């Protein structure tokens, strides 16, 4: 029963629109497939940060500490708002130059990875999600090995989902159709990140 619950919750968590989805989508559209994929990898690695402190029993401490929760909350909100504003106010590439390789914006693998990692690691809602899993679904007597397996399932589900998100939004058929509106799409995604940043800033532990 634990396995089914973890798998179901992981799928729902991964596909639910949120900062992670907006970040991977934005990077895929703006910088290409590799940027989207490495952002997805960053998200999956960040999940292991949550998994590690959850296994160590620190989620309860974080959820009960106003100071720690606030630090995570405001750092995460600031980052999302910053990236959102950066996306909105980025320079628009003239349509006639979009097909020229030298004019295509790039994002190195480390930066792409970092954007996904920070977005997930500093999301207080993810902390609360893991708190609920490790207090309500996974029991205190669950073996460490099994907890690690559950953590691997959560991470793998996210990797598969965001990998396909990156593939889809960086596919030539998608980009060719929306290329002329690329800047508008980037602005909308940027606005979405800002909205999530504000939502994170107003998040509570309830």
C-alpha atoms as a PDB file:
ATOM      1  CA  UNK A   1       0.000   0.000   0.000  1.00  0.00           C
ATOM      2  CA  UNK A   2       2.863   2.378   0.784  1.00  0.00           C
ATOM      3  CA  UNK A   3       4.374   1.786  -2.653  1.00  0.00           C
ATOM      4  CA  UNK A   4       1.114   2.534  -4.475  1.00  0.00           C
ATOM      5  CA  UNK A   5       0.534   5.642  -2.355  1.00  0.00           C
ATOM      6  CA  UNK A   6       4.070   6.948  -2.972  1.00  0.00           C
ATOM      7  CA  UNK A   7       3.856   6.295  -6.722  1.00  0.00           C
ATOM      8  CA  UNK A   8       0.450   7.948  -7.032  1.00  0.00           C
ATOM      9  CA  UNK A   9       1.440  10.993  -4.987  1.00  0.00           C
ATOM     10  CA  UNK A  10       4.723  11.306  -6.900  1.00  0.00           C
ATOM     11  CA  UNK A  11       2.943  11.349 -10.263  1.00  0.00           C
ATOM     12  CA  UNK A  12       0.437  13.927  -9.047  1.00  0.00           C
ATOM     13  CA  UNK A  13       3.205  16.054  -7.558  1.00  0.00           C
ATOM     14  CA  UNK A  14       5.271  15.943 -10.752  1.00  0.00           C
ATOM     15  CA  UNK A  15       2.507  16.776 -13.249  1.00  0.00           C
ATOM     16  CA  UNK A  16       0.872  19.498 -11.144  1.00  0.00           C
ATOM     17  CA  UNK A  17       1.773  22.892 -12.665  1.00  0.00           C
ATOM     18  CA  UNK A  18       4.198  24.779 -10.444  1.00  0.00           C
ATOM     19  CA  UNK A  19       7.554  26.581 -10.384  1.00  0.00           C
ATOM     20  CA  UNK A  20       9.409  23.452 -11.569  1.00  0.00           C
ATOM     21  CA  UNK A  21       7.192  23.098 -14.628  1.00  0.00           C
ATOM     22  CA  UNK A  22       7.465  26.775 -15.512  1.00  0.00           C
ATOM     23  CA  UNK A  23      11.249  26.736 -15.114  1.00  0.00           C
ATOM     24  CA  UNK A  24      11.796  23.672 -17.302  1.00  0.00           C
ATOM     25  CA  UNK A  25       9.367  24.986 -19.909  1.00  0.00           C
ATOM     26  CA  UNK A  26      10.978  28.436 -19.966  1.00  0.00           C
ATOM     27  CA  UNK A  27      14.500  27.062 -20.289  1.00  0.00           C
ATOM     28  CA  UNK A  28      13.447  24.592 -22.996  1.00  0.00           C
ATOM     29  CA  UNK A  29      11.775  27.271 -25.094  1.00  0.00           C
ATOM     30  CA  UNK A  30      14.373  29.969 -24.485  1.00  0.00           C
ATOM     31  CA  UNK A  31      17.598  27.979 -24.551  1.00  0.00           C
ATOM     32  CA  UNK A  32      16.854  24.607 -26.114  1.00  0.00           C
ATOM     33  CA  UNK A  33      16.499  20.933 -25.254  1.00  0.00           C
ATOM     34  CA  UNK A  34      19.734  20.483 -23.283  1.00  0.00           C
ATOM     35  CA  UNK A  35      18.890  23.422 -21.024  1.00  0.00           C
ATOM     36  CA  UNK A  36      15.478  21.912 -20.304  1.00  0.00           C
ATOM     37  CA  UNK A  37      16.889  18.455 -19.620  1.00  0.00           C
ATOM     38  CA  UNK A  38      19.607  19.727 -17.294  1.00  0.00           C
ATOM     39  CA  UNK A  39      17.027  21.833 -15.482  1.00  0.00           C
ATOM     40  CA  UNK A  40      15.033  18.627 -14.999  1.00  0.00           C
ATOM     41  CA  UNK A  41      18.116  16.873 -13.642  1.00  0.00           C
ATOM     42  CA  UNK A  42      18.650  19.775 -11.241  1.00  0.00           C
ATOM     43  CA  UNK A  43      15.106  19.348  -9.943  1.00  0.00           C
ATOM     44  CA  UNK A  44      15.640  15.621  -9.377  1.00  0.00           C
ATOM     45  CA  UNK A  45      18.895  16.205  -7.471  1.00  0.00           C
ATOM     46  CA  UNK A  46      17.191  18.882  -5.351  1.00  0.00           C
ATOM     47  CA  UNK A  47      14.524  16.349  -4.440  1.00  0.00           C
ATOM     48  CA  UNK A  48      17.242  14.315  -2.768  1.00  0.00           C
ATOM     49  CA  UNK A  49      17.933  17.271  -0.501  1.00  0.00           C
ATOM     50  CA  UNK A  50      14.319  17.056   0.670  1.00  0.00           C
ATOM     51  CA  UNK A  51      14.467  13.273   0.856  1.00  0.00           C
ATOM     52  CA  UNK A  52      17.659  13.341   2.942  1.00  0.00           C
ATOM     53  CA  UNK A  53      16.421  15.746   5.590  1.00  0.00           C
ATOM     54  CA  UNK A  54      13.050  13.991   5.645  1.00  0.00           C
ATOM     55  CA  UNK A  55      14.713  10.662   6.419  1.00  0.00           C
ATOM     56  CA  UNK A  56      16.801  12.438   9.051  1.00  0.00           C
ATOM     57  CA  UNK A  57      13.594  13.723  10.629  1.00  0.00           C
ATOM     58  CA  UNK A  58      14.297  17.405  10.001  1.00  0.00           C
ATOM     59  CA  UNK A  59      11.079  18.165   8.101  1.00  0.00           C
ATOM     60  CA  UNK A  60       9.184  18.376  11.373  1.00  0.00           C
ATOM     61  CA  UNK A  61      11.752  20.818  12.766  1.00  0.00           C
ATOM     62  CA  UNK A  62      11.583  22.995   9.648  1.00  0.00           C
ATOM     63  CA  UNK A  63       7.797  22.963   9.585  1.00  0.00           C
ATOM     64  CA  UNK A  64       7.644  24.013  13.247  1.00  0.00           C
ATOM     65  CA  UNK A  65      10.324  26.710  12.996  1.00  0.00           C
ATOM     66  CA  UNK A  66       8.993  30.042  11.772  1.00  0.00           C
ATOM     67  CA  UNK A  67      12.545  31.313  11.204  1.00  0.00           C
ATOM     68  CA  UNK A  68      13.746  28.368   9.102  1.00  0.00           C
ATOM     69  CA  UNK A  69      10.521  28.177   7.152  1.00  0.00           C
ATOM     70  CA  UNK A  70      10.621  31.919   6.459  1.00  0.00           C
ATOM     71  CA  UNK A  71      14.238  31.776   5.269  1.00  0.00           C
ATOM     72  CA  UNK A  72      13.416  29.016   2.776  1.00  0.00           C
ATOM     73  CA  UNK A  73      10.223  30.775   1.754  1.00  0.00           C
ATOM     74  CA  UNK A  74      11.697  34.192   1.026  1.00  0.00           C
ATOM     75  CA  UNK A  75      14.837  32.890  -0.661  1.00  0.00           C
ATOM     76  CA  UNK A  76      12.698  30.768  -2.952  1.00  0.00           C
ATOM     77  CA  UNK A  77      10.273  33.608  -3.661  1.00  0.00           C
ATOM     78  CA  UNK A  78      13.083  36.060  -4.419  1.00  0.00           C
ATOM     79  CA  UNK A  79      14.727  33.645  -6.838  1.00  0.00           C
ATOM     80  CA  UNK A  80      11.510  32.928  -8.747  1.00  0.00           C
ATOM     81  CA  UNK A  81      10.631  36.609  -9.011  1.00  0.00           C
ATOM     82  CA  UNK A  82      14.162  37.461 -10.172  1.00  0.00           C
ATOM     83  CA  UNK A  83      14.112  34.805 -12.913  1.00  0.00           C
ATOM     84  CA  UNK A  84      10.603  35.881 -13.913  1.00  0.00           C
ATOM     85  CA  UNK A  85      11.608  39.524 -14.271  1.00  0.00           C
ATOM     86  CA  UNK A  86      14.745  38.519 -16.152  1.00  0.00           C
ATOM     87  CA  UNK A  87      12.614  36.535 -18.609  1.00  0.00           C
ATOM     88  CA  UNK A  88      10.120  39.366 -19.112  1.00  0.00           C
ATOM     89  CA  UNK A  89      12.729  42.059 -19.679  1.00  0.00           C
ATOM     90  CA  UNK A  90      15.124  40.023 -21.809  1.00  0.00           C
ATOM     91  CA  UNK A  91      15.843  41.528 -25.209  1.00  0.00           C
ATOM     92  CA  UNK A  92      13.710  40.365 -28.106  1.00  0.00           C
ATOM     93  CA  UNK A  93      15.563  38.767 -31.007  1.00  0.00           C
ATOM     94  CA  UNK A  94      14.408  40.061 -34.427  1.00  0.00           C
ATOM     95  CA  UNK A  95      12.350  37.447 -36.295  1.00  0.00           C
ATOM     96  CA  UNK A  96      14.689  37.467 -39.277  1.00  0.00           C
ATOM     97  CA  UNK A  97      17.583  36.471 -37.021  1.00  0.00           C
ATOM     98  CA  UNK A  98      15.862  33.642 -35.183  1.00  0.00           C
ATOM     99  CA  UNK A  99      17.051  30.999 -37.620  1.00  0.00           C
ATOM    100  CA  UNK A 100      20.698  32.030 -37.374  1.00  0.00           C
ATOM    101  CA  UNK A 101      22.633  29.789 -35.025  1.00  0.00           C
ATOM    102  CA  UNK A 102      24.853  32.579 -33.732  1.00  0.00           C
ATOM    103  CA  UNK A 103      21.809  34.549 -32.580  1.00  0.00           C
ATOM    104  CA  UNK A 104      20.188  31.754 -30.587  1.00  0.00           C
ATOM    105  CA  UNK A 105      20.473  32.298 -26.837  1.00  0.00           C
ATOM    106  CA  UNK A 106      22.305  29.591 -24.940  1.00  0.00           C
ATOM    107  CA  UNK A 107      22.432  28.483 -21.333  1.00  0.00           C
ATOM    108  CA  UNK A 108      25.325  26.308 -20.177  1.00  0.00           C
ATOM    109  CA  UNK A 109      24.603  22.976 -18.521  1.00  0.00           C
ATOM    110  CA  UNK A 110      25.692  24.109 -15.055  1.00  0.00           C
ATOM    111  CA  UNK A 111      23.454  27.195 -15.133  1.00  0.00           C
ATOM    112  CA  UNK A 112      20.514  25.145 -16.393  1.00  0.00           C
ATOM    113  CA  UNK A 113      21.090  22.535 -13.689  1.00  0.00           C
ATOM    114  CA  UNK A 114      21.392  25.265 -11.071  1.00  0.00           C
ATOM    115  CA  UNK A 115      18.121  26.915 -12.089  1.00  0.00           C
ATOM    116  CA  UNK A 116      16.213  23.653 -11.678  1.00  0.00           C
ATOM    117  CA  UNK A 117      17.992  22.769  -8.445  1.00  0.00           C
ATOM    118  CA  UNK A 118      17.412  26.116  -6.729  1.00  0.00           C
ATOM    119  CA  UNK A 119      13.788  26.330  -7.862  1.00  0.00           C
ATOM    120  CA  UNK A 120      12.947  22.993  -6.257  1.00  0.00           C
ATOM    121  CA  UNK A 121      15.255  23.153  -3.238  1.00  0.00           C
ATOM    122  CA  UNK A 122      13.879  26.515  -2.078  1.00  0.00           C
ATOM    123  CA  UNK A 123      10.216  25.708  -2.624  1.00  0.00           C
ATOM    124  CA  UNK A 124       8.591  25.574   0.842  1.00  0.00           C
ATOM    125  CA  UNK A 125       5.607  23.721  -0.594  1.00  0.00           C
ATOM    126  CA  UNK A 126       7.946  20.860  -1.481  1.00  0.00           C
ATOM    127  CA  UNK A 127       9.109  20.823   2.135  1.00  0.00           C
ATOM    128  CA  UNK A 128       5.519  20.562   3.317  1.00  0.00           C
ATOM    129  CA  UNK A 129       4.873  17.849   0.725  1.00  0.00           C
ATOM    130  CA  UNK A 130       7.698  15.726   2.108  1.00  0.00           C
ATOM    131  CA  UNK A 131       6.567  16.424   5.647  1.00  0.00           C
ATOM    132  CA  UNK A 132       3.157  14.976   4.801  1.00  0.00           C
ATOM    133  CA  UNK A 133       4.678  11.927   3.078  1.00  0.00           C
ATOM    134  CA  UNK A 134       7.150  11.120   5.831  1.00  0.00           C
ATOM    135  CA  UNK A 135       4.606  11.550   8.622  1.00  0.00           C
ATOM    136  CA  UNK A 136       1.419  10.178   7.086  1.00  0.00           C
ATOM    137  CA  UNK A 137       2.392   7.677   4.375  1.00  0.00           C
ATOM    138  CA  UNK A 138       5.794   6.356   5.411  1.00  0.00           C
ATOM    139  CA  UNK A 139       5.673   4.987   8.938  1.00  0.00           C
ATOM    140  CA  UNK A 140       8.335   5.468  11.587  1.00  0.00           C
ATOM    141  CA  UNK A 141       9.235   1.788  11.476  1.00  0.00           C
ATOM    142  CA  UNK A 142       9.744   1.773   7.688  1.00  0.00           C
ATOM    143  CA  UNK A 143      13.220   0.418   6.912  1.00  0.00           C
ATOM    144  CA  UNK A 144      15.833   2.933   5.746  1.00  0.00           C
ATOM    145  CA  UNK A 145      16.398   0.926   2.571  1.00  0.00           C
ATOM    146  CA  UNK A 146      12.701   1.126   1.756  1.00  0.00           C
ATOM    147  CA  UNK A 147      12.658   4.866   2.449  1.00  0.00           C
ATOM    148  CA  UNK A 148      15.526   5.300  -0.010  1.00  0.00           C
ATOM    149  CA  UNK A 149      13.619   3.245  -2.577  1.00  0.00           C
ATOM    150  CA  UNK A 150      10.593   5.495  -2.111  1.00  0.00           C
ATOM    151  CA  UNK A 151      12.839   8.522  -2.514  1.00  0.00           C
ATOM    152  CA  UNK A 152      14.207   7.038  -5.730  1.00  0.00           C
ATOM    153  CA  UNK A 153      10.671   6.563  -7.033  1.00  0.00           C
ATOM    154  CA  UNK A 154       9.805  10.203  -6.335  1.00  0.00           C
ATOM    155  CA  UNK A 155      12.978  11.393  -8.042  1.00  0.00           C
ATOM    156  CA  UNK A 156      12.602   9.060 -11.034  1.00  0.00           C
ATOM    157  CA  UNK A 157       8.983  10.045 -11.658  1.00  0.00           C
ATOM    158  CA  UNK A 158      10.002  13.705 -11.726  1.00  0.00           C
ATOM    159  CA  UNK A 159      12.936  12.998 -14.025  1.00  0.00           C
ATOM    160  CA  UNK A 160      10.767  11.135 -16.545  1.00  0.00           C
ATOM    161  CA  UNK A 161       8.028  13.775 -16.490  1.00  0.00           C
ATOM    162  CA  UNK A 162      10.287  16.818 -16.823  1.00  0.00           C
ATOM    163  CA  UNK A 163      12.444  15.076 -19.417  1.00  0.00           C
ATOM    164  CA  UNK A 164       9.390  14.762 -21.658  1.00  0.00           C
ATOM    165  CA  UNK A 165       8.377  18.350 -20.842  1.00  0.00           C
ATOM    166  CA  UNK A 166      11.813  19.481 -22.043  1.00  0.00           C
ATOM    167  CA  UNK A 167      11.591  17.317 -25.165  1.00  0.00           C
ATOM    168  CA  UNK A 168       8.115  18.584 -26.037  1.00  0.00           C
ATOM    169  CA  UNK A 169       8.739  22.303 -25.584  1.00  0.00           C
ATOM    170  CA  UNK A 170      12.085  22.171 -27.373  1.00  0.00           C
ATOM    171  CA  UNK A 171      10.776  20.139 -30.316  1.00  0.00           C
ATOM    172  CA  UNK A 172      11.181  21.817 -33.697  1.00  0.00           C
ATOM    173  CA  UNK A 173       7.479  21.440 -34.506  1.00  0.00           C
ATOM    174  CA  UNK A 174       6.568  23.390 -31.380  1.00  0.00           C
ATOM    175  CA  UNK A 175       9.288  26.008 -31.762  1.00  0.00           C
ATOM    176  CA  UNK A 176       8.605  26.565 -35.459  1.00  0.00           C
ATOM    177  CA  UNK A 177       4.959  27.216 -34.749  1.00  0.00           C
ATOM    178  CA  UNK A 178       5.565  29.564 -31.841  1.00  0.00           C
ATOM    179  CA  UNK A 179       8.861  31.123 -32.895  1.00  0.00           C
ATOM    180  CA  UNK A 180       7.311  34.444 -33.875  1.00  0.00           C
ATOM    181  CA  UNK A 181       5.617  34.613 -30.489  1.00  0.00           C
ATOM    182  CA  UNK A 182       8.619  33.338 -28.540  1.00  0.00           C
ATOM    183  CA  UNK A 183       9.168  36.568 -26.634  1.00  0.00           C
ATOM    184  CA  UNK A 184       5.500  36.751 -25.658  1.00  0.00           C
ATOM    185  CA  UNK A 185       5.619  33.146 -24.449  1.00  0.00           C
ATOM    186  CA  UNK A 186       8.780  33.857 -22.449  1.00  0.00           C
ATOM    187  CA  UNK A 187       7.050  36.875 -20.891  1.00  0.00           C
ATOM    188  CA  UNK A 188       3.997  34.790 -19.963  1.00  0.00           C
ATOM    189  CA  UNK A 189       6.211  32.121 -18.401  1.00  0.00           C
ATOM    190  CA  UNK A 190       8.155  34.852 -16.618  1.00  0.00           C
ATOM    191  CA  UNK A 191       4.904  36.271 -15.260  1.00  0.00           C
ATOM    192  CA  UNK A 192       4.001  32.762 -14.123  1.00  0.00           C
ATOM    193  CA  UNK A 193       7.266  32.457 -12.213  1.00  0.00           C
ATOM    194  CA  UNK A 194       6.655  35.833 -10.569  1.00  0.00           C
ATOM    195  CA  UNK A 195       3.143  34.716  -9.615  1.00  0.00           C
ATOM    196  CA  UNK A 196       4.519  31.540  -8.061  1.00  0.00           C
ATOM    197  CA  UNK A 197       7.184  33.613  -6.316  1.00  0.00           C
ATOM    198  CA  UNK A 198       4.520  35.809  -4.749  1.00  0.00           C
ATOM    199  CA  UNK A 199       2.507  32.721  -3.844  1.00  0.00           C
ATOM    200  CA  UNK A 200       5.579  31.213  -2.177  1.00  0.00           C
ATOM    201  CA  UNK A 201       6.188  34.459  -0.282  1.00  0.00           C
ATOM    202  CA  UNK A 202       2.656  34.294   1.091  1.00  0.00           C
ATOM    203  CA  UNK A 203       2.834  30.574   1.835  1.00  0.00           C
ATOM    204  CA  UNK A 204       2.055  29.384   5.347  1.00  0.00           C
ATOM    205  CA  UNK A 205       2.846  26.122   7.095  1.00  0.00           C
ATOM    206  CA  UNK A 206      -0.815  25.145   7.374  1.00  0.00           C
END
